[in-house]
Amino acid sequence: MRFVAALAAVAAIFIAVPAAAQGGPPPPKPVIDPLEGVGVEGTTRVPIVVPADPENTWVLDLSTGGRVSIRLRPDAAPKMVEQIKTLTRRKFYDGVTFHRVIDAPESMAQGGDPTGTGGGESDLPDVPAEFNNLPHARGAVSAARTQDPNSANSQFFIMFGPRLGFDHDYTVFGRVIYGMEWVDKIERGEPPANPTRVLRAYIASDNPPPYQAAPAPAAPALPPGETKATLPQ
């Protein structure tokens, strides 16, 4: 009888385990990470942390009042990134204006023309199209071109908002990672009445100095023999 009782006790334990499992809390739901999506059930996925890459970080000091940092993407557009880096180190972009700045539907600021007219470019050869899967989302930096897909050179545009109709038609080669508030302040117009300028452009690995604001405009010269107090109001 003791042997039978022992078997009954063991059976009760095995029967109780699944019953307890059925009556316990439900299995944990998949953890959703904003950067990584759905994780493995019951686990937390670690967000992707992209390491700093100073050699592929483009720095633009704008006359709107601050510094903009752009993560270049040589993995997606190696030729355009190399063109941008070469021109930047030649100081080509220093002083260049944003000559075409429009809101919806295009929603972008275009610059990179040394003449400020939209018809100029650098003396480097044009860059062939490198259309890729990077979207024209807010902050995307893309290569401007003519009707010829292989005519990108020095001009670029920064997106204020998404314009996915540009995807696979223009070459995205970077994205703003810091200072988008200064991009938003770029003067609008075609051309703007008082265009925003790139004061200085750098590649971050070249150890740029801190941002320096544009000098205040000089006061207009007074006519000979007159003082400020005698000028008409």
C-alpha atoms as a PDB file:
ATOM      1  CA  MET A   1       0.000   0.000   0.000  1.00  0.00           C
ATOM      2  CA  ARG A   2       2.866   2.321   0.745  1.00  0.00           C
ATOM      3  CA  PHE A   3       4.269   1.687  -2.741  1.00  0.00           C
ATOM      4  CA  VAL A   4       0.905   2.511  -4.333  1.00  0.00           C
ATOM      5  CA  ALA A   5       0.595   5.656  -2.216  1.00  0.00           C
ATOM      6  CA  ALA A   6       4.080   6.756  -3.271  1.00  0.00           C
ATOM      7  CA  LEU A   7       3.222   6.278  -6.945  1.00  0.00           C
ATOM      8  CA  ALA A   8       0.049   8.273  -6.444  1.00  0.00           C
ATOM      9  CA  ALA A   9       1.994  11.110  -4.841  1.00  0.00           C
ATOM     10  CA  VAL A  10       4.499  11.222  -7.701  1.00  0.00           C
ATOM     11  CA  ALA A  11       1.682  11.228 -10.276  1.00  0.00           C
ATOM     12  CA  ALA A  12      -0.016  14.062  -8.439  1.00  0.00           C
ATOM     13  CA  ILE A  13       3.161  16.130  -8.687  1.00  0.00           C
ATOM     14  CA  PHE A  14       3.447  15.598 -12.467  1.00  0.00           C
ATOM     15  CA  ILE A  15      -0.224  16.389 -12.962  1.00  0.00           C
ATOM     16  CA  ALA A  16       0.012  19.515 -10.816  1.00  0.00           C
ATOM     17  CA  VAL A  17       2.903  21.038 -12.749  1.00  0.00           C
ATOM     18  CA  PRO A  18       1.091  21.609 -16.056  1.00  0.00           C
ATOM     19  CA  ALA A  19      -2.019  22.645 -14.167  1.00  0.00           C
ATOM     20  CA  ALA A  20      -0.026  25.280 -12.324  1.00  0.00           C
ATOM     21  CA  ALA A  21       1.526  26.409 -15.605  1.00  0.00           C
ATOM     22  CA  GLN A  22      -1.919  26.745 -17.150  1.00  0.00           C
ATOM     23  CA  GLY A  23      -3.152  28.784 -14.232  1.00  0.00           C
ATOM     24  CA  GLY A  24      -0.060  31.038 -14.019  1.00  0.00           C
ATOM     25  CA  PRO A  25       0.732  34.260 -15.832  1.00  0.00           C
ATOM     26  CA  PRO A  26       0.750  34.229 -19.652  1.00  0.00           C
ATOM     27  CA  PRO A  27       4.087  34.010 -21.459  1.00  0.00           C
ATOM     28  CA  PRO A  28       5.742  37.386 -21.993  1.00  0.00           C
ATOM     29  CA  LYS A  29       4.860  39.210 -25.200  1.00  0.00           C
ATOM     30  CA  PRO A  30       7.523  40.147 -27.731  1.00  0.00           C
ATOM     31  CA  VAL A  31       9.399  43.281 -26.745  1.00  0.00           C
ATOM     32  CA  ILE A  32       9.129  46.027 -29.333  1.00  0.00           C
ATOM     33  CA  ASP A  33      12.137  48.257 -29.610  1.00  0.00           C
ATOM     34  CA  PRO A  34      11.671  51.538 -31.522  1.00  0.00           C
ATOM     35  CA  LEU A  35      14.920  51.049 -33.390  1.00  0.00           C
ATOM     36  CA  GLU A  36      15.034  47.328 -33.804  1.00  0.00           C
ATOM     37  CA  GLY A  37      11.406  46.219 -34.162  1.00  0.00           C
ATOM     38  CA  VAL A  38      10.060  43.047 -32.573  1.00  0.00           C
ATOM     39  CA  GLY A  39      12.423  41.097 -30.402  1.00  0.00           C
ATOM     40  CA  VAL A  40      12.567  37.430 -29.553  1.00  0.00           C
ATOM     41  CA  GLU A  41       9.787  36.476 -27.148  1.00  0.00           C
ATOM     42  CA  GLY A  42      10.723  37.236 -23.590  1.00  0.00           C
ATOM     43  CA  THR A  43      13.931  39.099 -24.508  1.00  0.00           C
ATOM     44  CA  THR A  44      14.932  42.709 -24.986  1.00  0.00           C
ATOM     45  CA  ARG A  45      16.797  43.610 -28.158  1.00  0.00           C
ATOM     46  CA  VAL A  46      19.583  46.123 -27.758  1.00  0.00           C
ATOM     47  CA  PRO A  47      19.130  49.209 -30.002  1.00  0.00           C
ATOM     48  CA  ILE A  48      21.682  49.714 -32.746  1.00  0.00           C
ATOM     49  CA  VAL A  49      24.261  52.290 -31.715  1.00  0.00           C
ATOM     50  CA  VAL A  50      26.060  53.689 -34.733  1.00  0.00           C
ATOM     51  CA  PRO A  51      29.620  54.598 -33.737  1.00  0.00           C
ATOM     52  CA  ALA A  52      30.896  58.067 -34.505  1.00  0.00           C
ATOM     53  CA  ASP A  53      32.743  58.298 -37.809  1.00  0.00           C
ATOM     54  CA  PRO A  54      34.519  61.681 -37.967  1.00  0.00           C
ATOM     55  CA  GLU A  55      35.956  60.952 -41.419  1.00  0.00           C
ATOM     56  CA  ASN A  56      32.412  60.688 -42.762  1.00  0.00           C
ATOM     57  CA  THR A  57      30.797  63.511 -40.813  1.00  0.00           C
ATOM     58  CA  TRP A  58      30.205  66.729 -42.755  1.00  0.00           C
ATOM     59  CA  VAL A  59      30.024  69.889 -40.651  1.00  0.00           C
ATOM     60  CA  LEU A  60      28.316  73.038 -41.953  1.00  0.00           C
ATOM     61  CA  ASP A  61      28.401  76.292 -39.987  1.00  0.00           C
ATOM     62  CA  LEU A  62      25.396  78.303 -41.132  1.00  0.00           C
ATOM     63  CA  SER A  63      24.772  82.016 -40.969  1.00  0.00           C
ATOM     64  CA  THR A  64      21.360  81.194 -39.470  1.00  0.00           C
ATOM     65  CA  GLY A  65      23.172  80.821 -36.192  1.00  0.00           C
ATOM     66  CA  GLY A  66      24.525  77.315 -35.620  1.00  0.00           C
ATOM     67  CA  ARG A  67      26.366  74.193 -36.667  1.00  0.00           C
ATOM     68  CA  VAL A  68      24.870  71.305 -38.607  1.00  0.00           C
ATOM     69  CA  SER A  69      26.418  67.824 -38.572  1.00  0.00           C
ATOM     70  CA  ILE A  70      25.642  65.422 -41.406  1.00  0.00           C
ATOM     71  CA  ARG A  71      26.433  61.712 -41.369  1.00  0.00           C
ATOM     72  CA  LEU A  72      27.797  60.883 -44.822  1.00  0.00           C
ATOM     73  CA  ARG A  73      27.016  57.464 -46.283  1.00  0.00           C
ATOM     74  CA  PRO A  74      29.918  56.137 -48.368  1.00  0.00           C
ATOM     75  CA  ASP A  75      28.291  52.712 -48.193  1.00  0.00           C
ATOM     76  CA  ALA A  76      25.348  54.020 -50.238  1.00  0.00           C
ATOM     77  CA  ALA A  77      26.930  56.746 -52.396  1.00  0.00           C
ATOM     78  CA  PRO A  78      30.737  56.422 -52.302  1.00  0.00           C
ATOM     79  CA  LYS A  79      31.479  58.658 -55.316  1.00  0.00           C
ATOM     80  CA  MET A  80      29.286  61.539 -54.166  1.00  0.00           C
ATOM     81  CA  VAL A  81      30.640  61.341 -50.630  1.00  0.00           C
ATOM     82  CA  GLU A  82      34.196  61.493 -51.960  1.00  0.00           C
ATOM     83  CA  GLN A  83      33.271  64.521 -54.099  1.00  0.00           C
ATOM     84  CA  ILE A  84      31.787  66.327 -51.088  1.00  0.00           C
ATOM     85  CA  LYS A  85      34.831  65.596 -48.944  1.00  0.00           C
ATOM     86  CA  THR A  86      37.263  66.748 -51.640  1.00  0.00           C
ATOM     87  CA  LEU A  87      35.399  70.016 -52.231  1.00  0.00           C
ATOM     88  CA  THR A  88      35.035  70.655 -48.505  1.00  0.00           C
ATOM     89  CA  ARG A  89      38.763  70.289 -47.927  1.00  0.00           C
ATOM     90  CA  ARG A  90      39.355  72.702 -50.805  1.00  0.00           C
ATOM     91  CA  LYS A  91      37.139  75.248 -48.936  1.00  0.00           C
ATOM     92  CA  PHE A  92      34.789  75.255 -51.920  1.00  0.00           C
ATOM     93  CA  TYR A  93      31.662  75.520 -49.770  1.00  0.00           C
ATOM     94  CA  ASP A  94      32.867  78.373 -47.553  1.00  0.00           C
ATOM     95  CA  GLY A  95      30.603  81.339 -48.266  1.00  0.00           C
ATOM     96  CA  VAL A  96      28.244  79.501 -50.644  1.00  0.00           C
ATOM     97  CA  THR A  97      24.560  80.416 -50.273  1.00  0.00           C
ATOM     98  CA  PHE A  98      21.327  78.434 -50.245  1.00  0.00           C
ATOM     99  CA  HIS A  99      19.882  79.834 -53.450  1.00  0.00           C
ATOM    100  CA  ARG A 100      16.626  77.841 -53.665  1.00  0.00           C
ATOM    101  CA  VAL A 101      14.696  77.226 -50.470  1.00  0.00           C
ATOM    102  CA  ILE A 102      11.084  76.100 -50.696  1.00  0.00           C
ATOM    103  CA  ASP A 103       8.444  74.502 -48.509  1.00  0.00           C
ATOM    104  CA  ALA A 104       5.804  72.030 -49.718  1.00  0.00           C
ATOM    105  CA  PRO A 105       5.670  70.166 -51.952  1.00  0.00           C
ATOM    106  CA  GLU A 106       9.445  69.900 -52.479  1.00  0.00           C
ATOM    107  CA  SER A 107      10.246  71.069 -48.910  1.00  0.00           C
ATOM    108  CA  MET A 108      14.002  71.513 -49.220  1.00  0.00           C
ATOM    109  CA  ALA A 109      16.953  73.929 -49.127  1.00  0.00           C
ATOM    110  CA  GLN A 110      19.350  73.771 -52.085  1.00  0.00           C
ATOM    111  CA  GLY A 111      22.907  75.105 -52.095  1.00  0.00           C
ATOM    112  CA  GLY A 112      26.389  74.328 -53.320  1.00  0.00           C
ATOM    113  CA  ASP A 113      26.488  76.695 -56.321  1.00  0.00           C
ATOM    114  CA  PRO A 114      29.385  79.194 -56.091  1.00  0.00           C
ATOM    115  CA  THR A 115      27.498  81.650 -58.350  1.00  0.00           C
ATOM    116  CA  GLY A 116      24.331  81.594 -56.218  1.00  0.00           C
ATOM    117  CA  THR A 117      22.174  81.271 -59.323  1.00  0.00           C
ATOM    118  CA  GLY A 118      21.537  77.529 -59.506  1.00  0.00           C
ATOM    119  CA  GLY A 119      23.516  77.197 -62.728  1.00  0.00           C
ATOM    120  CA  GLY A 120      27.028  76.870 -61.323  1.00  0.00           C
ATOM    121  CA  GLU A 121      29.108  73.996 -60.045  1.00  0.00           C
ATOM    122  CA  SER A 122      32.672  73.022 -59.187  1.00  0.00           C
ATOM    123  CA  ASP A 123      35.450  72.306 -61.662  1.00  0.00           C
ATOM    124  CA  LEU A 124      35.481  68.610 -60.697  1.00  0.00           C
ATOM    125  CA  PRO A 125      33.946  66.032 -63.051  1.00  0.00           C
ATOM    126  CA  ASP A 126      30.270  65.213 -62.616  1.00  0.00           C
ATOM    127  CA  VAL A 127      29.365  62.213 -60.486  1.00  0.00           C
ATOM    128  CA  PRO A 128      27.384  59.311 -61.989  1.00  0.00           C
ATOM    129  CA  ALA A 129      24.044  58.471 -60.428  1.00  0.00           C
ATOM    130  CA  GLU A 130      24.205  56.393 -57.253  1.00  0.00           C
ATOM    131  CA  PHE A 131      20.484  55.950 -56.638  1.00  0.00           C
ATOM    132  CA  ASN A 132      19.960  53.883 -53.489  1.00  0.00           C
ATOM    133  CA  ASN A 133      17.354  52.894 -50.919  1.00  0.00           C
ATOM    134  CA  LEU A 134      17.956  55.776 -48.504  1.00  0.00           C
ATOM    135  CA  PRO A 135      14.667  57.730 -48.281  1.00  0.00           C
ATOM    136  CA  HIS A 136      14.195  61.443 -48.836  1.00  0.00           C
ATOM    137  CA  ALA A 137      12.975  61.848 -45.261  1.00  0.00           C
ATOM    138  CA  ARG A 138      13.337  64.920 -43.068  1.00  0.00           C
ATOM    139  CA  GLY A 139      17.036  65.717 -42.738  1.00  0.00           C
ATOM    140  CA  ALA A 140      18.118  63.692 -45.774  1.00  0.00           C
ATOM    141  CA  VAL A 141      20.915  65.275 -47.824  1.00  0.00           C
ATOM    142  CA  SER A 142      20.808  64.537 -51.538  1.00  0.00           C
ATOM    143  CA  ALA A 143      22.692  65.481 -54.695  1.00  0.00           C
ATOM    144  CA  ALA A 144      21.079  68.043 -57.011  1.00  0.00           C
ATOM    145  CA  ARG A 145      21.374  67.469 -60.741  1.00  0.00           C
ATOM    146  CA  THR A 146      20.052  68.504 -64.149  1.00  0.00           C
ATOM    147  CA  GLN A 147      17.786  66.352 -66.319  1.00  0.00           C
ATOM    148  CA  ASP A 148      20.816  64.141 -66.895  1.00  0.00           C
ATOM    149  CA  PRO A 149      20.894  61.539 -64.070  1.00  0.00           C
ATOM    150  CA  ASN A 150      24.698  61.529 -64.204  1.00  0.00           C
ATOM    151  CA  SER A 151      25.168  65.286 -63.705  1.00  0.00           C
ATOM    152  CA  ALA A 152      25.528  65.628 -59.918  1.00  0.00           C
ATOM    153  CA  ASN A 153      28.515  67.790 -59.049  1.00  0.00           C
ATOM    154  CA  SER A 154      28.678  70.195 -56.089  1.00  0.00           C
ATOM    155  CA  GLN A 155      25.059  71.193 -55.492  1.00  0.00           C
ATOM    156  CA  PHE A 156      23.031  69.473 -52.788  1.00  0.00           C
ATOM    157  CA  PHE A 157      19.729  69.849 -50.977  1.00  0.00           C
ATOM    158  CA  ILE A 158      18.547  69.176 -47.437  1.00  0.00           C
ATOM    159  CA  MET A 159      14.988  67.998 -46.860  1.00  0.00           C
ATOM    160  CA  PHE A 160      12.756  69.937 -44.427  1.00  0.00           C
ATOM    161  CA  GLY A 161      10.208  67.126 -44.628  1.00  0.00           C
ATOM    162  CA  PRO A 162       9.636  63.846 -46.460  1.00  0.00           C
ATOM    163  CA  ARG A 163       9.348  63.776 -50.249  1.00  0.00           C
ATOM    164  CA  LEU A 164       9.469  60.094 -51.099  1.00  0.00           C
ATOM    165  CA  GLY A 165       8.736  60.828 -54.749  1.00  0.00           C
ATOM    166  CA  PHE A 166      12.421  61.802 -55.007  1.00  0.00           C
ATOM    167  CA  ASP A 167      13.519  58.292 -54.001  1.00  0.00           C
ATOM    168  CA  HIS A 168      15.499  56.374 -56.646  1.00  0.00           C
ATOM    169  CA  ASP A 169      15.630  59.573 -58.744  1.00  0.00           C
ATOM    170  CA  TYR A 170      18.187  61.582 -56.759  1.00  0.00           C
ATOM    171  CA  THR A 171      21.215  60.333 -54.836  1.00  0.00           C
ATOM    172  CA  VAL A 172      20.867  60.541 -51.056  1.00  0.00           C
ATOM    173  CA  PHE A 173      24.387  60.643 -49.614  1.00  0.00           C
ATOM    174  CA  GLY A 174      23.832  61.644 -45.988  1.00  0.00           C
ATOM    175  CA  ARG A 175      21.476  62.777 -43.258  1.00  0.00           C
ATOM    176  CA  VAL A 176      21.463  65.520 -40.634  1.00  0.00           C
ATOM    177  CA  ILE A 177      22.241  64.073 -37.219  1.00  0.00           C
ATOM    178  CA  TYR A 178      22.608  67.337 -35.299  1.00  0.00           C
ATOM    179  CA  GLY A 179      21.503  70.936 -35.796  1.00  0.00           C
ATOM    180  CA  MET A 180      18.296  70.443 -37.775  1.00  0.00           C
ATOM    181  CA  GLU A 181      16.901  73.496 -35.990  1.00  0.00           C
ATOM    182  CA  TRP A 182      19.413  75.624 -37.900  1.00  0.00           C
ATOM    183  CA  VAL A 183      18.409  74.018 -41.178  1.00  0.00           C
ATOM    184  CA  ASP A 184      14.796  74.950 -40.415  1.00  0.00           C
ATOM    185  CA  LYS A 185      15.857  78.594 -40.095  1.00  0.00           C
ATOM    186  CA  ILE A 186      17.358  78.787 -43.604  1.00  0.00           C
ATOM    187  CA  GLU A 187      15.873  81.808 -45.402  1.00  0.00           C
ATOM    188  CA  ARG A 188      13.133  80.863 -47.882  1.00  0.00           C
ATOM    189  CA  GLY A 189      12.904  82.061 -51.465  1.00  0.00           C
ATOM    190  CA  GLU A 190      13.846  81.379 -55.099  1.00  0.00           C
ATOM    191  CA  PRO A 191      16.222  83.096 -54.575  1.00  0.00           C
ATOM    192  CA  PRO A 192      15.859  84.336 -50.983  1.00  0.00           C
ATOM    193  CA  ALA A 193      16.018  88.082 -50.438  1.00  0.00           C
ATOM    194  CA  ASN A 194      18.698  87.576 -47.774  1.00  0.00           C
ATOM    195  CA  PRO A 195      20.099  84.087 -48.463  1.00  0.00           C
ATOM    196  CA  THR A 196      21.552  81.944 -45.727  1.00  0.00           C
ATOM    197  CA  ARG A 197      25.234  81.170 -46.243  1.00  0.00           C
ATOM    198  CA  VAL A 198      27.531  78.305 -45.346  1.00  0.00           C
ATOM    199  CA  LEU A 199      30.060  80.248 -43.308  1.00  0.00           C
ATOM    200  CA  ARG A 200      32.492  77.354 -43.211  1.00  0.00           C
ATOM    201  CA  ALA A 201      32.385  73.649 -44.036  1.00  0.00           C
ATOM    202  CA  TYR A 202      34.549  70.937 -42.498  1.00  0.00           C
ATOM    203  CA  ILE A 203      35.072  67.199 -42.287  1.00  0.00           C
ATOM    204  CA  ALA A 204      34.909  66.356 -38.580  1.00  0.00           C
ATOM    205  CA  SER A 205      38.146  64.335 -38.624  1.00  0.00           C
ATOM    206  CA  ASP A 206      39.988  67.550 -39.560  1.00  0.00           C
ATOM    207  CA  ASN A 207      39.279  68.895 -36.047  1.00  0.00           C
ATOM    208  CA  PRO A 208      37.195  71.975 -36.872  1.00  0.00           C
ATOM    209  CA  PRO A 209      37.228  74.866 -34.402  1.00  0.00           C
ATOM    210  CA  PRO A 210      34.081  75.741 -32.456  1.00  0.00           C
ATOM    211  CA  TYR A 211      31.274  77.468 -34.297  1.00  0.00           C
ATOM    212  CA  GLN A 212      31.916  81.142 -34.946  1.00  0.00           C
ATOM    213  CA  ALA A 213      29.008  83.391 -35.856  1.00  0.00           C
ATOM    214  CA  ALA A 214      29.186  85.632 -38.888  1.00  0.00           C
ATOM    215  CA  PRO A 215      30.521  89.112 -38.107  1.00  0.00           C
ATOM    216  CA  ALA A 216      27.886  91.782 -37.731  1.00  0.00           C
ATOM    217  CA  PRO A 217      27.378  93.831 -40.897  1.00  0.00           C
ATOM    218  CA  ALA A 218      29.296  97.086 -40.945  1.00  0.00           C
ATOM    219  CA  ALA A 219      27.322 100.274 -40.426  1.00  0.00           C
ATOM    220  CA  PRO A 220      26.759 102.270 -43.630  1.00  0.00           C
ATOM    221  CA  ALA A 221      29.276 104.982 -44.266  1.00  0.00           C
ATOM    222  CA  LEU A 222      28.111 108.538 -43.523  1.00  0.00           C
ATOM    223  CA  PRO A 223      28.296 111.238 -46.206  1.00  0.00           C
ATOM    224  CA  PRO A 224      31.219 113.653 -45.797  1.00  0.00           C
ATOM    225  CA  GLY A 225      30.563 116.357 -43.223  1.00  0.00           C
ATOM    226  CA  GLU A 226      27.533 114.623 -41.688  1.00  0.00           C
ATOM    227  CA  THR A 227      27.106 112.793 -38.426  1.00  0.00           C
ATOM    228  CA  LYS A 228      24.523 110.235 -37.466  1.00  0.00           C
ATOM    229  CA  ALA A 229      22.589 112.927 -35.619  1.00  0.00           C
ATOM    230  CA  THR A 230      22.178 115.040 -38.754  1.00  0.00           C
ATOM    231  CA  LEU A 231      20.866 112.253 -41.007  1.00  0.00           C
ATOM    232  CA  PRO A 232      17.118 112.404 -41.817  1.00  0.00           C
ATOM    233  CA  GLN A 233      14.936 110.039 -39.800  1.00  0.00           C
END
